[in-house]
């Protein structure tokens, strides 16, 4: 499964536990971080005033991380 901007944060964290650390480094809190967040990755990014280009970059990076974690 590829990660896209419309993935729900809850689903992202459940399917890709490594994403918790990644999201945290970007300033996006998630359920596992202790601050519940609901909605999609895009919605969370927009709340932090990230641009559409930023969001696409994060999606791309998350997919690279997902591929690397799958291969390990």
PDB file of N, CA and C in Angstrom:
ATOM      1  N   UNK A   1       0.838  -1.190   0.000  1.00  0.00           N
ATOM      2  CA  UNK A   1       0.000   0.000   0.000  1.00  0.00           C
ATOM      3  C   UNK A   1       0.877   1.245   0.000  1.00  0.00           C
ATOM      4  N   UNK A   2       0.554   2.142  -0.883  1.00  0.00           N
ATOM      5  CA  UNK A   2       1.242   3.422  -0.902  1.00  0.00           C
ATOM      6  C   UNK A   2       0.539   4.403   0.026  1.00  0.00           C
ATOM      7  N   UNK A   3       1.345   5.215   0.663  1.00  0.00           N
ATOM      8  CA  UNK A   3       0.822   6.264   1.528  1.00  0.00           C
ATOM      9  C   UNK A   3       0.489   7.458   0.644  1.00  0.00           C
ATOM     10  N   UNK A   4      -0.664   8.059   0.870  1.00  0.00           N
ATOM     11  CA  UNK A   4      -0.986   9.293   0.163  1.00  0.00           C
ATOM     12  C   UNK A   4      -1.491  10.323   1.163  1.00  0.00           C
ATOM     13  N   UNK A   5      -1.700  11.528   0.692  1.00  0.00           N
ATOM     14  CA  UNK A   5      -2.078  12.629   1.582  1.00  0.00           C
ATOM     15  C   UNK A   5      -3.438  12.438   2.233  1.00  0.00           C
ATOM     16  N   UNK A   6      -4.250  11.541   1.701  1.00  0.00           N
ATOM     17  CA  UNK A   6      -5.589  11.320   2.232  1.00  0.00           C
ATOM     18  C   UNK A   6      -5.667  10.180   3.240  1.00  0.00           C
ATOM     19  N   UNK A   7      -4.508   9.600   3.605  1.00  0.00           N
ATOM     20  CA  UNK A   7      -4.520   8.540   4.601  1.00  0.00           C
ATOM     21  C   UNK A   7      -4.868   9.148   5.955  1.00  0.00           C
ATOM     22  N   UNK A   8      -5.694   8.457   6.705  1.00  0.00           N
ATOM     23  CA  UNK A   8      -6.030   8.923   8.047  1.00  0.00           C
ATOM     24  C   UNK A   8      -4.834   8.705   8.959  1.00  0.00           C
ATOM     25  N   UNK A   9      -4.577   9.674   9.831  1.00  0.00           N
ATOM     26  CA  UNK A   9      -3.443   9.592  10.745  1.00  0.00           C
ATOM     27  C   UNK A   9      -3.494   8.288  11.538  1.00  0.00           C
ATOM     28  N   UNK A  10      -4.678   7.910  12.015  1.00  0.00           N
ATOM     29  CA  UNK A  10      -4.809   6.681  12.803  1.00  0.00           C
ATOM     30  C   UNK A  10      -4.352   5.470  11.992  1.00  0.00           C
ATOM     31  N   UNK A  11      -4.740   5.420  10.731  1.00  0.00           N
ATOM     32  CA  UNK A  11      -4.373   4.325   9.842  1.00  0.00           C
ATOM     33  C   UNK A  11      -2.867   4.348   9.554  1.00  0.00           C
ATOM     34  N   UNK A  12      -2.329   5.522   9.326  1.00  0.00           N
ATOM     35  CA  UNK A  12      -0.908   5.672   9.050  1.00  0.00           C
ATOM     36  C   UNK A  12      -0.071   5.134  10.208  1.00  0.00           C
ATOM     37  N   UNK A  13      -0.418   5.530  11.422  1.00  0.00           N
ATOM     38  CA  UNK A  13       0.328   5.109  12.604  1.00  0.00           C
ATOM     39  C   UNK A  13       0.185   3.605  12.845  1.00  0.00           C
ATOM     40  N   UNK A  14      -1.007   3.096  12.631  1.00  0.00           N
ATOM     41  CA  UNK A  14      -1.237   1.667  12.846  1.00  0.00           C
ATOM     42  C   UNK A  14      -0.483   0.818  11.827  1.00  0.00           C
ATOM     43  N   UNK A  15      -0.534   1.202  10.573  1.00  0.00           N
ATOM     44  CA  UNK A  15       0.085   0.408   9.517  1.00  0.00           C
ATOM     45  C   UNK A  15       1.592   0.634   9.411  1.00  0.00           C
ATOM     46  N   UNK A  16       2.029   1.821   9.771  1.00  0.00           N
ATOM     47  CA  UNK A  16       3.434   2.201   9.629  1.00  0.00           C
ATOM     48  C   UNK A  16       3.923   2.846  10.928  1.00  0.00           C
ATOM     49  N   UNK A  17       4.213   2.036  11.942  1.00  0.00           N
ATOM     50  CA  UNK A  17       4.604   2.585  13.245  1.00  0.00           C
ATOM     51  C   UNK A  17       5.790   3.554  13.193  1.00  0.00           C
ATOM     52  N   UNK A  18       6.678   3.383  12.227  1.00  0.00           N
ATOM     53  CA  UNK A  18       7.815   4.290  12.098  1.00  0.00           C
ATOM     54  C   UNK A  18       7.374   5.721  11.839  1.00  0.00           C
ATOM     55  N   UNK A  19       6.148   5.880  11.338  1.00  0.00           N
ATOM     56  CA  UNK A  19       5.658   7.212  10.981  1.00  0.00           C
ATOM     57  C   UNK A  19       5.501   8.121  12.194  1.00  0.00           C
ATOM     58  N   UNK A  20       5.374   7.535  13.382  1.00  0.00           N
ATOM     59  CA  UNK A  20       5.217   8.343  14.597  1.00  0.00           C
ATOM     60  C   UNK A  20       6.415   9.272  14.755  1.00  0.00           C
ATOM     61  N   UNK A  21       7.614   8.716  14.647  1.00  0.00           N
ATOM     62  CA  UNK A  21       8.821   9.527  14.789  1.00  0.00           C
ATOM     63  C   UNK A  21       8.917  10.549  13.660  1.00  0.00           C
ATOM     64  N   UNK A  22       8.620  10.120  12.448  1.00  0.00           N
ATOM     65  CA  UNK A  22       8.686  11.027  11.301  1.00  0.00           C
ATOM     66  C   UNK A  22       7.727  12.202  11.497  1.00  0.00           C
ATOM     67  N   UNK A  23       6.495  11.912  11.841  1.00  0.00           N
ATOM     68  CA  UNK A  23       5.506  12.976  12.036  1.00  0.00           C
ATOM     69  C   UNK A  23       5.946  13.931  13.140  1.00  0.00           C
ATOM     70  N   UNK A  24       6.498  13.363  14.198  1.00  0.00           N
ATOM     71  CA  UNK A  24       6.948  14.179  15.318  1.00  0.00           C
ATOM     72  C   UNK A  24       8.037  15.160  14.889  1.00  0.00           C
ATOM     73  N   UNK A  25       8.961  14.713  14.032  1.00  0.00           N
ATOM     74  CA  UNK A  25      10.030  15.605  13.582  1.00  0.00           C
ATOM     75  C   UNK A  25       9.495  16.751  12.729  1.00  0.00           C
ATOM     76  N   UNK A  26       8.329  16.559  12.146  1.00  0.00           N
ATOM     77  CA  UNK A  26       7.712  17.594  11.315  1.00  0.00           C
ATOM     78  C   UNK A  26       6.765  18.480  12.124  1.00  0.00           C
ATOM     79  N   UNK A  27       6.641  18.188  13.422  1.00  0.00           N
ATOM     80  CA  UNK A  27       5.766  18.985  14.274  1.00  0.00           C
ATOM     81  C   UNK A  27       4.321  18.537  14.251  1.00  0.00           C
ATOM     82  N   UNK A  28       4.080  17.357  13.701  1.00  0.00           N
ATOM     83  CA  UNK A  28       2.718  16.828  13.645  1.00  0.00           C
ATOM     84  C   UNK A  28       2.567  15.783  14.735  1.00  0.00           C
ATOM     85  N   UNK A  29       1.755  16.087  15.697  1.00  0.00           N
ATOM     86  CA  UNK A  29       1.516  15.150  16.780  1.00  0.00           C
ATOM     87  C   UNK A  29       0.544  14.081  16.292  1.00  0.00           C
ATOM     88  N   UNK A  30       0.652  12.909  16.890  1.00  0.00           N
ATOM     89  CA  UNK A  30      -0.250  11.828  16.501  1.00  0.00           C
ATOM     90  C   UNK A  30      -0.688  11.071  17.744  1.00  0.00           C
ATOM     91  N   UNK A  31      -1.569  10.137  17.572  1.00  0.00           N
ATOM     92  CA  UNK A  31      -2.155   9.404  18.685  1.00  0.00           C
ATOM     93  C   UNK A  31      -1.076   8.841  19.605  1.00  0.00           C
ATOM     94  N   UNK A  32      -0.081   8.195  19.043  1.00  0.00           N
ATOM     95  CA  UNK A  32       0.969   7.559  19.835  1.00  0.00           C
ATOM     96  C   UNK A  32       1.844   8.587  20.545  1.00  0.00           C
ATOM     97  N   UNK A  33       1.818   9.825  20.091  1.00  0.00           N
ATOM     98  CA  UNK A  33       2.639  10.866  20.701  1.00  0.00           C
ATOM     99  C   UNK A  33       1.967  11.453  21.937  1.00  0.00           C
ATOM    100  N   UNK A  34       0.744  11.055  22.205  1.00  0.00           N
ATOM    101  CA  UNK A  34       0.040  11.537  23.371  1.00  0.00           C
ATOM    102  C   UNK A  34      -0.947  12.658  23.083  1.00  0.00           C
ATOM    103  N   UNK A  35      -0.917  13.209  21.916  1.00  0.00           N
ATOM    104  CA  UNK A  35      -1.862  14.256  21.539  1.00  0.00           C
ATOM    105  C   UNK A  35      -2.719  13.710  20.410  1.00  0.00           C
ATOM    106  N   UNK A  36      -3.938  13.304  20.745  1.00  0.00           N
ATOM    107  CA  UNK A  36      -4.750  12.693  19.688  1.00  0.00           C
ATOM    108  C   UNK A  36      -5.020  13.658  18.552  1.00  0.00           C
ATOM    109  N   UNK A  37      -4.938  13.125  17.361  1.00  0.00           N
ATOM    110  CA  UNK A  37      -5.228  13.918  16.169  1.00  0.00           C
ATOM    111  C   UNK A  37      -6.115  13.066  15.273  1.00  0.00           C
ATOM    112  N   UNK A  38      -7.083  13.668  14.694  1.00  0.00           N
ATOM    113  CA  UNK A  38      -8.020  12.945  13.839  1.00  0.00           C
ATOM    114  C   UNK A  38      -7.978  13.571  12.464  1.00  0.00           C
ATOM    115  N   UNK A  39      -8.276  12.796  11.491  1.00  0.00           N
ATOM    116  CA  UNK A  39      -8.317  13.310  10.137  1.00  0.00           C
ATOM    117  C   UNK A  39      -7.176  12.759   9.313  1.00  0.00           C
ATOM    118  N   UNK A  40      -6.973  13.382   8.179  1.00  0.00           N
ATOM    119  CA  UNK A  40      -5.999  12.890   7.216  1.00  0.00           C
ATOM    120  C   UNK A  40      -4.640  13.554   7.423  1.00  0.00           C
ATOM    121  N   UNK A  41      -3.653  12.973   6.778  1.00  0.00           N
ATOM    122  CA  UNK A  41      -2.316  13.550   6.806  1.00  0.00           C
ATOM    123  C   UNK A  41      -2.353  14.967   6.232  1.00  0.00           C
ATOM    124  N   UNK A  42      -3.073  15.135   5.136  1.00  0.00           N
ATOM    125  CA  UNK A  42      -3.176  16.459   4.524  1.00  0.00           C
ATOM    126  C   UNK A  42      -3.803  17.464   5.481  1.00  0.00           C
ATOM    127  N   UNK A  43      -4.862  17.083   6.152  1.00  0.00           N
ATOM    128  CA  UNK A  43      -5.520  17.994   7.096  1.00  0.00           C
ATOM    129  C   UNK A  43      -4.578  18.394   8.228  1.00  0.00           C
ATOM    130  N   UNK A  44      -3.824  17.420   8.734  1.00  0.00           N
ATOM    131  CA  UNK A  44      -2.871  17.715   9.805  1.00  0.00           C
ATOM    132  C   UNK A  44      -1.785  18.669   9.324  1.00  0.00           C
ATOM    133  N   UNK A  45      -1.321  18.454   8.110  1.00  0.00           N
ATOM    134  CA  UNK A  45      -0.295  19.331   7.541  1.00  0.00           C
ATOM    135  C   UNK A  45      -0.825  20.738   7.302  1.00  0.00           C
ATOM    136  N   UNK A  46      -2.037  20.840   6.805  1.00  0.00           N
ATOM    137  CA  UNK A  46      -2.623  22.158   6.548  1.00  0.00           C
ATOM    138  C   UNK A  46      -2.815  22.935   7.840  1.00  0.00           C
ATOM    139  N   UNK A  47      -3.132  22.224   8.935  1.00  0.00           N
ATOM    140  CA  UNK A  47      -3.270  22.895  10.234  1.00  0.00           C
ATOM    141  C   UNK A  47      -1.948  23.502  10.689  1.00  0.00           C
ATOM    142  N   UNK A  48      -0.845  22.944  10.215  1.00  0.00           N
ATOM    143  CA  UNK A  48       0.487  23.456  10.544  1.00  0.00           C
ATOM    144  C   UNK A  48       0.998  24.428   9.481  1.00  0.00           C
ATOM    145  N   UNK A  49       0.107  24.811   8.557  1.00  0.00           N
ATOM    146  CA  UNK A  49       0.425  25.767   7.490  1.00  0.00           C
ATOM    147  C   UNK A  49       1.489  25.276   6.515  1.00  0.00           C
ATOM    148  N   UNK A  50       1.567  23.962   6.312  1.00  0.00           N
ATOM    149  CA  UNK A  50       2.464  23.417   5.307  1.00  0.00           C
ATOM    150  C   UNK A  50       1.849  23.635   3.936  1.00  0.00           C
ATOM    151  N   UNK A  51       2.706  23.833   2.948  1.00  0.00           N
ATOM    152  CA  UNK A  51       2.246  24.057   1.580  1.00  0.00           C
ATOM    153  C   UNK A  51       1.916  22.713   0.917  1.00  0.00           C
ATOM    154  N   UNK A  52       1.193  22.758  -0.192  1.00  0.00           N
ATOM    155  CA  UNK A  52       0.953  21.519  -0.944  1.00  0.00           C
ATOM    156  C   UNK A  52       2.256  20.825  -1.339  1.00  0.00           C
ATOM    157  N   UNK A  53       3.294  21.605  -1.666  1.00  0.00           N
ATOM    158  CA  UNK A  53       4.590  21.006  -1.996  1.00  0.00           C
ATOM    159  C   UNK A  53       5.200  20.300  -0.792  1.00  0.00           C
ATOM    160  N   UNK A  54       5.086  20.914   0.397  1.00  0.00           N
ATOM    161  CA  UNK A  54       5.577  20.283   1.625  1.00  0.00           C
ATOM    162  C   UNK A  54       4.865  18.948   1.841  1.00  0.00           C
ATOM    163  N   UNK A  55       3.558  18.965   1.679  1.00  0.00           N
ATOM    164  CA  UNK A  55       2.757  17.767   1.911  1.00  0.00           C
ATOM    165  C   UNK A  55       3.192  16.655   0.967  1.00  0.00           C
ATOM    166  N   UNK A  56       3.388  16.986  -0.291  1.00  0.00           N
ATOM    167  CA  UNK A  56       3.819  15.971  -1.256  1.00  0.00           C
ATOM    168  C   UNK A  56       5.210  15.443  -0.906  1.00  0.00           C
ATOM    169  N   UNK A  57       6.073  16.314  -0.457  1.00  0.00           N
ATOM    170  CA  UNK A  57       7.420  15.891  -0.040  1.00  0.00           C
ATOM    171  C   UNK A  57       7.317  14.912   1.130  1.00  0.00           C
ATOM    172  N   UNK A  58       6.458  15.194   2.096  1.00  0.00           N
ATOM    173  CA  UNK A  58       6.287  14.303   3.256  1.00  0.00           C
ATOM    174  C   UNK A  58       5.730  12.957   2.818  1.00  0.00           C
ATOM    175  N   UNK A  59       4.765  12.976   1.914  1.00  0.00           N
ATOM    176  CA  UNK A  59       4.198  11.731   1.393  1.00  0.00           C
ATOM    177  C   UNK A  59       5.288  10.910   0.709  1.00  0.00           C
ATOM    178  N   UNK A  60       6.087  11.571  -0.109  1.00  0.00           N
ATOM    179  CA  UNK A  60       7.177  10.874  -0.797  1.00  0.00           C
ATOM    180  C   UNK A  60       8.165  10.273   0.205  1.00  0.00           C
ATOM    181  N   UNK A  61       8.550  11.056   1.207  1.00  0.00           N
ATOM    182  CA  UNK A  61       9.492  10.575   2.215  1.00  0.00           C
ATOM    183  C   UNK A  61       8.910   9.408   3.008  1.00  0.00           C
ATOM    184  N   UNK A  62       7.637   9.492   3.363  1.00  0.00           N
ATOM    185  CA  UNK A  62       7.000   8.396   4.098  1.00  0.00           C
ATOM    186  C   UNK A  62       6.972   7.118   3.268  1.00  0.00           C
ATOM    187  N   UNK A  63       6.732   7.244   1.974  1.00  0.00           N
ATOM    188  CA  UNK A  63       6.725   6.066   1.111  1.00  0.00           C
ATOM    189  C   UNK A  63       8.127   5.450   0.987  1.00  0.00           C
ATOM    190  N   UNK A  64       9.138   6.284   0.953  1.00  0.00           N
ATOM    191  CA  UNK A  64      10.515   5.768   0.931  1.00  0.00           C
ATOM    192  C   UNK A  64      10.808   5.033   2.234  1.00  0.00           C
ATOM    193  N   UNK A  65      10.423   5.629   3.356  1.00  0.00           N
ATOM    194  CA  UNK A  65      10.626   4.983   4.648  1.00  0.00           C
ATOM    195  C   UNK A  65       9.870   3.659   4.731  1.00  0.00           C
ATOM    196  N   UNK A  66       8.646   3.655   4.199  1.00  0.00           N
ATOM    197  CA  UNK A  66       7.833   2.430   4.217  1.00  0.00           C
ATOM    198  C   UNK A  66       8.524   1.332   3.409  1.00  0.00           C
ATOM    199  N   UNK A  67       9.047   1.692   2.265  1.00  0.00           N
ATOM    200  CA  UNK A  67       9.738   0.715   1.417  1.00  0.00           C
ATOM    201  C   UNK A  67      10.983   0.199   2.131  1.00  0.00           C
ATOM    202  N   UNK A  68      11.748   1.084   2.733  1.00  0.00           N
ATOM    203  CA  UNK A  68      12.962   0.683   3.442  1.00  0.00           C
ATOM    204  C   UNK A  68      12.652  -0.201   4.649  1.00  0.00           C
ATOM    205  N   UNK A  69      11.568   0.116   5.370  1.00  0.00           N
ATOM    206  CA  UNK A  69      11.189  -0.695   6.525  1.00  0.00           C
ATOM    207  C   UNK A  69      10.694  -2.061   6.108  1.00  0.00           C
ATOM    208  N   UNK A  70      10.056  -2.138   4.953  1.00  0.00           N
ATOM    209  CA  UNK A  70       9.556  -3.415   4.447  1.00  0.00           C
ATOM    210  C   UNK A  70      10.708  -4.329   4.037  1.00  0.00           C
ATOM    211  N   UNK A  71      11.775  -3.732   3.543  1.00  0.00           N
ATOM    212  CA  UNK A  71      12.926  -4.499   3.082  1.00  0.00           C
ATOM    213  C   UNK A  71      13.839  -4.953   4.226  1.00  0.00           C
ATOM    214  N   UNK A  72      13.635  -4.405   5.418  1.00  0.00           N
ATOM    215  CA  UNK A  72      14.490  -4.769   6.565  1.00  0.00           C
ATOM    216  C   UNK A  72      13.902  -5.910   7.346  1.00  0.00           C
TER     217      UNK A  72
END
